[in-house]
Protein backbone atom coordinates (compact mmCIF):
# COMPACT_ATOMS: atom_id res chain seq x y z
CA UNK A 1 0.00 0.00 0.00
CA UNK A 2 1.28 3.44 -0.89
CA UNK A 3 1.14 6.09 1.83
CA UNK A 4 -0.45 9.50 1.38
CA UNK A 5 2.84 11.40 1.17
CA UNK A 6 4.19 8.86 -1.29
CA UNK A 7 1.05 9.32 -3.45
CA UNK A 8 1.57 13.10 -3.39
CA UNK A 9 5.17 12.72 -4.54
CA UNK A 10 4.06 10.35 -7.33
CA UNK A 11 1.35 12.80 -8.43
CA UNK A 12 3.81 15.72 -8.50
CA UNK A 13 6.29 13.58 -10.39
CA UNK A 14 3.64 12.55 -12.96
CA UNK A 15 2.55 16.18 -13.44
CA UNK A 16 6.10 17.27 -14.17
CA UNK A 17 6.85 14.32 -16.47
CA UNK A 18 4.87 15.85 -19.34
CA UNK A 19 6.52 19.27 -19.20
CA UNK A 20 5.05 22.75 -19.57
CA UNK A 21 3.92 24.66 -22.63
CA UNK A 22 5.44 27.78 -24.12
CA UNK A 23 2.96 30.12 -22.41
CA UNK A 24 1.48 27.89 -19.67
CA UNK A 25 2.60 25.63 -16.88
CA UNK A 26 1.01 22.36 -15.86
CA UNK A 27 -0.80 22.19 -12.53
CA UNK A 28 -2.46 19.36 -10.65
CA UNK A 29 -4.18 16.44 -12.30
CA UNK A 30 -7.99 16.81 -12.39
CA UNK A 31 -8.96 13.75 -14.40
CA UNK A 32 -7.69 10.54 -15.88
CA UNK A 33 -9.24 8.31 -18.49
CA UNK A 34 -8.50 5.79 -21.18
CA UNK A 35 -7.41 8.52 -23.60
CA UNK A 36 -5.06 10.52 -21.38
CA UNK A 37 -4.87 12.74 -18.32
CA UNK A 38 -6.36 16.18 -17.74
CA UNK A 39 -4.48 18.84 -15.79
CA UNK A 40 -5.14 22.36 -14.67
CA UNK A 41 -2.92 24.82 -16.50
CA UNK A 42 -2.08 28.41 -15.63
CA UNK A 43 -0.59 31.03 -17.90
CA UNK A 44 3.02 31.92 -17.20
CA UNK A 45 2.24 35.59 -17.86
CA UNK A 46 -1.53 36.09 -17.47
CA UNK A 47 -1.30 39.88 -17.90
CA UNK A 48 0.34 39.69 -21.33
CA UNK A 49 -1.68 41.58 -23.92
CA UNK A 50 -0.56 39.05 -26.53
CA UNK A 51 -2.08 36.03 -24.83
CA UNK A 52 -5.36 34.78 -26.23
CA UNK A 53 -5.60 32.00 -23.64
CA UNK A 54 -7.62 32.38 -20.44
CA UNK A 55 -5.60 32.57 -17.22
CA UNK A 56 -6.81 29.08 -16.21
CA UNK A 57 -7.33 26.18 -18.64
CA UNK A 58 -7.61 22.42 -18.68
CA UNK A 59 -4.95 20.54 -20.63
CA UNK A 60 -5.67 17.02 -21.87
CA UNK A 61 -2.38 15.21 -22.48
CA UNK A 62 -1.04 11.92 -23.77
CA UNK A 63 2.22 10.79 -25.30
CA UNK A 64 2.12 11.47 -29.04
CA UNK A 65 2.37 7.75 -29.84
CA UNK A 66 -1.01 7.12 -28.14
CA UNK A 67 -2.71 10.50 -28.66
CA UNK A 68 -4.87 9.67 -31.70
CA UNK A 69 -8.13 9.98 -29.76
CA UNK A 70 -7.18 13.38 -28.36
CA UNK A 71 -6.09 14.58 -31.79
CA UNK A 72 -9.46 13.47 -33.20
CA UNK A 73 -11.15 15.37 -30.35
CA UNK A 74 -9.25 18.49 -31.45
CA UNK A 75 -10.51 18.05 -35.00
CA UNK A 76 -14.11 17.69 -33.83
CA UNK A 77 -13.89 20.65 -31.43
CA UNK A 78 -12.47 22.86 -34.17
CA UNK A 79 -15.50 22.00 -36.33
CA UNK A 80 -18.04 22.78 -33.58
CA UNK A 81 -16.34 25.85 -32.07
CA UNK A 82 -18.45 28.75 -30.96
CA UNK A 83 -21.42 26.73 -29.78
CA UNK A 84 -22.27 27.71 -26.16
CA UNK A 85 -23.06 24.19 -24.89
CA UNK A 86 -19.77 22.67 -26.08
CA UNK A 87 -16.47 23.18 -24.30
CA UNK A 88 -14.05 25.55 -26.06
CA UNK A 89 -10.75 24.40 -27.46
CA UNK A 90 -7.95 26.98 -27.48
CA UNK A 91 -5.46 24.97 -29.49
CA UNK A 92 -2.85 22.30 -29.20
CA UNK A 93 0.80 22.11 -28.32
CA UNK A 94 3.46 19.44 -28.19
CA UNK A 95 5.80 19.34 -25.21
CA UNK A 96 8.79 17.22 -24.35
CA UNK A 97 8.34 14.91 -21.40
CA UNK A 98 11.18 14.41 -18.97
CA UNK A 99 11.58 10.84 -20.24
CA UNK A 100 12.25 12.24 -23.73
CA UNK A 101 8.82 11.32 -25.10
CA UNK A 102 6.84 13.86 -27.10
CA UNK A 103 3.53 14.76 -25.43
CA UNK A 104 0.43 16.00 -27.27
CA UNK A 105 -1.55 18.62 -25.30
CA UNK A 106 -5.06 19.82 -26.06
CA UNK A 107 -5.78 23.22 -24.46
CA UNK A 108 -9.40 23.34 -23.30
CA UNK A 109 -11.83 25.55 -21.45
CA UNK A 110 -11.79 24.69 -17.74
CA UNK A 111 -15.22 23.72 -16.46
CA UNK A 112 -14.91 25.01 -12.90
CA UNK A 113 -18.19 23.37 -11.85
CA UNK A 114 -16.60 19.93 -11.99
CA UNK A 115 -18.16 16.86 -13.54
CA UNK A 116 -21.82 15.99 -13.54
CA UNK A 117 -21.03 13.05 -11.25
CA UNK A 118 -19.48 15.43 -8.71
CA UNK A 119 -22.44 17.79 -8.89
CA UNK A 120 -24.92 14.96 -8.37
CA UNK A 121 -23.04 13.74 -5.29
CA UNK A 122 -22.53 17.24 -3.87
CA UNK A 123 -26.01 18.77 -4.16
CA UNK A 124 -28.89 18.31 -1.72
CA UNK A 125 -26.68 16.59 0.83
CA UNK A 126 -25.84 13.82 -1.60
CA UNK A 127 -29.46 13.21 -2.62
CA UNK A 128 -28.84 14.41 -6.18
CA UNK A 129 -29.94 17.35 -8.25
CA UNK A 130 -33.29 19.10 -8.07
CA UNK A 131 -35.77 18.65 -10.93
CA UNK A 132 -35.00 22.17 -12.11
CA UNK A 133 -31.24 21.49 -12.22
CA UNK A 134 -31.84 18.21 -14.07
CA UNK A 135 -33.92 20.06 -16.69
CA UNK A 136 -31.29 22.78 -17.19
CA UNK A 137 -28.43 20.28 -17.48
CA UNK A 138 -30.39 17.89 -19.73
CA UNK A 139 -31.32 20.75 -22.08
CA UNK A 140 -27.71 21.87 -22.32
CA UNK A 141 -26.48 18.33 -23.05
CA UNK A 142 -29.23 17.75 -25.62
CA UNK A 143 -28.53 21.07 -27.37
CA UNK A 144 -24.86 20.14 -27.63
CA UNK A 145 -25.67 16.64 -28.90
CA UNK A 146 -28.16 17.98 -31.46
CA UNK A 147 -25.52 20.42 -32.70
CA UNK A 148 -22.78 17.82 -33.14
CA UNK A 149 -25.18 15.26 -34.62
CA UNK A 150 -26.40 17.90 -37.06
CA UNK A 151 -22.92 18.24 -38.53
CA UNK A 152 -22.30 14.50 -38.69
CA UNK A 153 -20.59 13.58 -35.41
CA UNK A 154 -21.73 11.07 -32.79
CA UNK A 155 -20.57 11.34 -29.16
CA UNK A 156 -19.86 7.78 -28.06
CA UNK A 157 -18.54 8.41 -24.55
CA UNK A 158 -21.36 10.36 -22.92
CA UNK A 159 -21.40 9.79 -19.16
CA UNK A 160 -21.60 11.90 -15.99
CA UNK A 161 -17.84 11.65 -15.42
CA UNK A 162 -17.11 13.39 -18.74
CA UNK A 163 -19.75 16.12 -18.63
CA UNK A 164 -18.97 19.50 -17.09
C-alpha atoms as a PDB file:
ATOM      1  CA  UNK A   1       0.000   0.000   0.000  1.00  0.00           C
ATOM      2  CA  UNK A   2       1.276   3.436  -0.886  1.00  0.00           C
ATOM      3  CA  UNK A   3       1.140   6.089   1.827  1.00  0.00           C
ATOM      4  CA  UNK A   4      -0.448   9.504   1.382  1.00  0.00           C
ATOM      5  CA  UNK A   5       2.838  11.398   1.172  1.00  0.00           C
ATOM      6  CA  UNK A   6       4.189   8.857  -1.294  1.00  0.00           C
ATOM      7  CA  UNK A   7       1.053   9.318  -3.448  1.00  0.00           C
ATOM      8  CA  UNK A   8       1.569  13.098  -3.392  1.00  0.00           C
ATOM      9  CA  UNK A   9       5.166  12.715  -4.538  1.00  0.00           C
ATOM     10  CA  UNK A  10       4.062  10.351  -7.330  1.00  0.00           C
ATOM     11  CA  UNK A  11       1.349  12.797  -8.430  1.00  0.00           C
ATOM     12  CA  UNK A  12       3.807  15.719  -8.500  1.00  0.00           C
ATOM     13  CA  UNK A  13       6.286  13.575 -10.390  1.00  0.00           C
ATOM     14  CA  UNK A  14       3.641  12.554 -12.963  1.00  0.00           C
ATOM     15  CA  UNK A  15       2.547  16.182 -13.437  1.00  0.00           C
ATOM     16  CA  UNK A  16       6.099  17.273 -14.172  1.00  0.00           C
ATOM     17  CA  UNK A  17       6.848  14.317 -16.465  1.00  0.00           C
ATOM     18  CA  UNK A  18       4.870  15.853 -19.336  1.00  0.00           C
ATOM     19  CA  UNK A  19       6.521  19.269 -19.203  1.00  0.00           C
ATOM     20  CA  UNK A  20       5.053  22.747 -19.570  1.00  0.00           C
ATOM     21  CA  UNK A  21       3.923  24.657 -22.633  1.00  0.00           C
ATOM     22  CA  UNK A  22       5.442  27.781 -24.116  1.00  0.00           C
ATOM     23  CA  UNK A  23       2.964  30.121 -22.412  1.00  0.00           C
ATOM     24  CA  UNK A  24       1.480  27.888 -19.673  1.00  0.00           C
ATOM     25  CA  UNK A  25       2.603  25.631 -16.878  1.00  0.00           C
ATOM     26  CA  UNK A  26       1.012  22.364 -15.863  1.00  0.00           C
ATOM     27  CA  UNK A  27      -0.795  22.192 -12.533  1.00  0.00           C
ATOM     28  CA  UNK A  28      -2.456  19.364 -10.648  1.00  0.00           C
ATOM     29  CA  UNK A  29      -4.182  16.443 -12.303  1.00  0.00           C
ATOM     30  CA  UNK A  30      -7.986  16.810 -12.393  1.00  0.00           C
ATOM     31  CA  UNK A  31      -8.965  13.748 -14.400  1.00  0.00           C
ATOM     32  CA  UNK A  32      -7.691  10.544 -15.877  1.00  0.00           C
ATOM     33  CA  UNK A  33      -9.237   8.306 -18.491  1.00  0.00           C
ATOM     34  CA  UNK A  34      -8.501   5.795 -21.178  1.00  0.00           C
ATOM     35  CA  UNK A  35      -7.409   8.519 -23.601  1.00  0.00           C
ATOM     36  CA  UNK A  36      -5.059  10.519 -21.381  1.00  0.00           C
ATOM     37  CA  UNK A  37      -4.869  12.738 -18.317  1.00  0.00           C
ATOM     38  CA  UNK A  38      -6.364  16.177 -17.744  1.00  0.00           C
ATOM     39  CA  UNK A  39      -4.475  18.837 -15.795  1.00  0.00           C
ATOM     40  CA  UNK A  40      -5.136  22.362 -14.666  1.00  0.00           C
ATOM     41  CA  UNK A  41      -2.916  24.819 -16.498  1.00  0.00           C
ATOM     42  CA  UNK A  42      -2.077  28.410 -15.634  1.00  0.00           C
ATOM     43  CA  UNK A  43      -0.586  31.027 -17.896  1.00  0.00           C
ATOM     44  CA  UNK A  44       3.024  31.923 -17.203  1.00  0.00           C
ATOM     45  CA  UNK A  45       2.242  35.594 -17.859  1.00  0.00           C
ATOM     46  CA  UNK A  46      -1.533  36.092 -17.474  1.00  0.00           C
ATOM     47  CA  UNK A  47      -1.297  39.878 -17.905  1.00  0.00           C
ATOM     48  CA  UNK A  48       0.338  39.685 -21.328  1.00  0.00           C
ATOM     49  CA  UNK A  49      -1.678  41.584 -23.917  1.00  0.00           C
ATOM     50  CA  UNK A  50      -0.560  39.047 -26.526  1.00  0.00           C
ATOM     51  CA  UNK A  51      -2.077  36.031 -24.828  1.00  0.00           C
ATOM     52  CA  UNK A  52      -5.362  34.777 -26.234  1.00  0.00           C
ATOM     53  CA  UNK A  53      -5.599  32.002 -23.644  1.00  0.00           C
ATOM     54  CA  UNK A  54      -7.616  32.383 -20.445  1.00  0.00           C
ATOM     55  CA  UNK A  55      -5.602  32.568 -17.218  1.00  0.00           C
ATOM     56  CA  UNK A  56      -6.808  29.076 -16.214  1.00  0.00           C
ATOM     57  CA  UNK A  57      -7.326  26.184 -18.636  1.00  0.00           C
ATOM     58  CA  UNK A  58      -7.609  22.420 -18.676  1.00  0.00           C
ATOM     59  CA  UNK A  59      -4.952  20.535 -20.632  1.00  0.00           C
ATOM     60  CA  UNK A  60      -5.670  17.016 -21.865  1.00  0.00           C
ATOM     61  CA  UNK A  61      -2.381  15.212 -22.476  1.00  0.00           C
ATOM     62  CA  UNK A  62      -1.037  11.924 -23.773  1.00  0.00           C
ATOM     63  CA  UNK A  63       2.222  10.788 -25.299  1.00  0.00           C
ATOM     64  CA  UNK A  64       2.119  11.473 -29.042  1.00  0.00           C
ATOM     65  CA  UNK A  65       2.373   7.753 -29.836  1.00  0.00           C
ATOM     66  CA  UNK A  66      -1.011   7.121 -28.143  1.00  0.00           C
ATOM     67  CA  UNK A  67      -2.709  10.495 -28.662  1.00  0.00           C
ATOM     68  CA  UNK A  68      -4.866   9.668 -31.701  1.00  0.00           C
ATOM     69  CA  UNK A  69      -8.131   9.981 -29.755  1.00  0.00           C
ATOM     70  CA  UNK A  70      -7.181  13.381 -28.358  1.00  0.00           C
ATOM     71  CA  UNK A  71      -6.086  14.580 -31.795  1.00  0.00           C
ATOM     72  CA  UNK A  72      -9.456  13.471 -33.201  1.00  0.00           C
ATOM     73  CA  UNK A  73     -11.154  15.366 -30.354  1.00  0.00           C
ATOM     74  CA  UNK A  74      -9.254  18.492 -31.454  1.00  0.00           C
ATOM     75  CA  UNK A  75     -10.508  18.048 -35.001  1.00  0.00           C
ATOM     76  CA  UNK A  76     -14.111  17.691 -33.833  1.00  0.00           C
ATOM     77  CA  UNK A  77     -13.891  20.646 -31.434  1.00  0.00           C
ATOM     78  CA  UNK A  78     -12.465  22.862 -34.174  1.00  0.00           C
ATOM     79  CA  UNK A  79     -15.501  21.995 -36.327  1.00  0.00           C
ATOM     80  CA  UNK A  80     -18.044  22.776 -33.578  1.00  0.00           C
ATOM     81  CA  UNK A  81     -16.342  25.846 -32.072  1.00  0.00           C
ATOM     82  CA  UNK A  82     -18.447  28.752 -30.956  1.00  0.00           C
ATOM     83  CA  UNK A  83     -21.423  26.727 -29.780  1.00  0.00           C
ATOM     84  CA  UNK A  84     -22.267  27.707 -26.164  1.00  0.00           C
ATOM     85  CA  UNK A  85     -23.064  24.186 -24.891  1.00  0.00           C
ATOM     86  CA  UNK A  86     -19.774  22.674 -26.081  1.00  0.00           C
ATOM     87  CA  UNK A  87     -16.467  23.181 -24.299  1.00  0.00           C
ATOM     88  CA  UNK A  88     -14.052  25.550 -26.057  1.00  0.00           C
ATOM     89  CA  UNK A  89     -10.745  24.397 -27.457  1.00  0.00           C
ATOM     90  CA  UNK A  90      -7.948  26.979 -27.482  1.00  0.00           C
ATOM     91  CA  UNK A  91      -5.460  24.968 -29.492  1.00  0.00           C
ATOM     92  CA  UNK A  92      -2.849  22.297 -29.203  1.00  0.00           C
ATOM     93  CA  UNK A  93       0.802  22.107 -28.320  1.00  0.00           C
ATOM     94  CA  UNK A  94       3.461  19.440 -28.190  1.00  0.00           C
ATOM     95  CA  UNK A  95       5.796  19.344 -25.210  1.00  0.00           C
ATOM     96  CA  UNK A  96       8.792  17.221 -24.354  1.00  0.00           C
ATOM     97  CA  UNK A  97       8.339  14.912 -21.396  1.00  0.00           C
ATOM     98  CA  UNK A  98      11.178  14.411 -18.973  1.00  0.00           C
ATOM     99  CA  UNK A  99      11.584  10.845 -20.243  1.00  0.00           C
ATOM    100  CA  UNK A 100      12.246  12.242 -23.732  1.00  0.00           C
ATOM    101  CA  UNK A 101       8.824  11.324 -25.098  1.00  0.00           C
ATOM    102  CA  UNK A 102       6.842  13.864 -27.095  1.00  0.00           C
ATOM    103  CA  UNK A 103       3.526  14.763 -25.432  1.00  0.00           C
ATOM    104  CA  UNK A 104       0.426  15.999 -27.271  1.00  0.00           C
ATOM    105  CA  UNK A 105      -1.546  18.616 -25.300  1.00  0.00           C
ATOM    106  CA  UNK A 106      -5.060  19.819 -26.058  1.00  0.00           C
ATOM    107  CA  UNK A 107      -5.784  23.218 -24.465  1.00  0.00           C
ATOM    108  CA  UNK A 108      -9.401  23.343 -23.300  1.00  0.00           C
ATOM    109  CA  UNK A 109     -11.831  25.553 -21.451  1.00  0.00           C
ATOM    110  CA  UNK A 110     -11.792  24.694 -17.744  1.00  0.00           C
ATOM    111  CA  UNK A 111     -15.217  23.721 -16.460  1.00  0.00           C
ATOM    112  CA  UNK A 112     -14.914  25.005 -12.903  1.00  0.00           C
ATOM    113  CA  UNK A 113     -18.188  23.369 -11.854  1.00  0.00           C
ATOM    114  CA  UNK A 114     -16.604  19.934 -11.990  1.00  0.00           C
ATOM    115  CA  UNK A 115     -18.158  16.862 -13.538  1.00  0.00           C
ATOM    116  CA  UNK A 116     -21.825  15.987 -13.539  1.00  0.00           C
ATOM    117  CA  UNK A 117     -21.027  13.048 -11.246  1.00  0.00           C
ATOM    118  CA  UNK A 118     -19.480  15.433  -8.713  1.00  0.00           C
ATOM    119  CA  UNK A 119     -22.437  17.793  -8.895  1.00  0.00           C
ATOM    120  CA  UNK A 120     -24.923  14.958  -8.370  1.00  0.00           C
ATOM    121  CA  UNK A 121     -23.042  13.743  -5.286  1.00  0.00           C
ATOM    122  CA  UNK A 122     -22.532  17.241  -3.869  1.00  0.00           C
ATOM    123  CA  UNK A 123     -26.013  18.767  -4.160  1.00  0.00           C
ATOM    124  CA  UNK A 124     -28.888  18.311  -1.722  1.00  0.00           C
ATOM    125  CA  UNK A 125     -26.685  16.591   0.829  1.00  0.00           C
ATOM    126  CA  UNK A 126     -25.843  13.817  -1.600  1.00  0.00           C
ATOM    127  CA  UNK A 127     -29.465  13.213  -2.622  1.00  0.00           C
ATOM    128  CA  UNK A 128     -28.837  14.411  -6.176  1.00  0.00           C
ATOM    129  CA  UNK A 129     -29.939  17.345  -8.248  1.00  0.00           C
ATOM    130  CA  UNK A 130     -33.294  19.102  -8.075  1.00  0.00           C
ATOM    131  CA  UNK A 131     -35.773  18.647 -10.926  1.00  0.00           C
ATOM    132  CA  UNK A 132     -35.001  22.173 -12.110  1.00  0.00           C
ATOM    133  CA  UNK A 133     -31.241  21.491 -12.225  1.00  0.00           C
ATOM    134  CA  UNK A 134     -31.839  18.214 -14.072  1.00  0.00           C
ATOM    135  CA  UNK A 135     -33.916  20.057 -16.693  1.00  0.00           C
ATOM    136  CA  UNK A 136     -31.291  22.781 -17.186  1.00  0.00           C
ATOM    137  CA  UNK A 137     -28.431  20.285 -17.484  1.00  0.00           C
ATOM    138  CA  UNK A 138     -30.388  17.892 -19.726  1.00  0.00           C
ATOM    139  CA  UNK A 139     -31.323  20.749 -22.081  1.00  0.00           C
ATOM    140  CA  UNK A 140     -27.714  21.868 -22.323  1.00  0.00           C
ATOM    141  CA  UNK A 141     -26.478  18.334 -23.051  1.00  0.00           C
ATOM    142  CA  UNK A 142     -29.230  17.750 -25.618  1.00  0.00           C
ATOM    143  CA  UNK A 143     -28.530  21.074 -27.374  1.00  0.00           C
ATOM    144  CA  UNK A 144     -24.858  20.143 -27.632  1.00  0.00           C
ATOM    145  CA  UNK A 145     -25.669  16.641 -28.902  1.00  0.00           C
ATOM    146  CA  UNK A 146     -28.159  17.982 -31.461  1.00  0.00           C
ATOM    147  CA  UNK A 147     -25.522  20.421 -32.705  1.00  0.00           C
ATOM    148  CA  UNK A 148     -22.775  17.818 -33.137  1.00  0.00           C
ATOM    149  CA  UNK A 149     -25.183  15.262 -34.625  1.00  0.00           C
ATOM    150  CA  UNK A 150     -26.401  17.902 -37.062  1.00  0.00           C
ATOM    151  CA  UNK A 151     -22.920  18.238 -38.532  1.00  0.00           C
ATOM    152  CA  UNK A 152     -22.298  14.501 -38.687  1.00  0.00           C
ATOM    153  CA  UNK A 153     -20.594  13.579 -35.407  1.00  0.00           C
ATOM    154  CA  UNK A 154     -21.727  11.071 -32.794  1.00  0.00           C
ATOM    155  CA  UNK A 155     -20.569  11.343 -29.163  1.00  0.00           C
ATOM    156  CA  UNK A 156     -19.863   7.778 -28.063  1.00  0.00           C
ATOM    157  CA  UNK A 157     -18.536   8.413 -24.553  1.00  0.00           C
ATOM    158  CA  UNK A 158     -21.360  10.363 -22.922  1.00  0.00           C
ATOM    159  CA  UNK A 159     -21.397   9.789 -19.164  1.00  0.00           C
ATOM    160  CA  UNK A 160     -21.601  11.897 -15.994  1.00  0.00           C
ATOM    161  CA  UNK A 161     -17.841  11.652 -15.424  1.00  0.00           C
ATOM    162  CA  UNK A 162     -17.106  13.388 -18.741  1.00  0.00           C
ATOM    163  CA  UNK A 163     -19.755  16.121 -18.626  1.00  0.00           C
ATOM    164  CA  UNK A 164     -18.975  19.495 -17.092  1.00  0.00           C
END
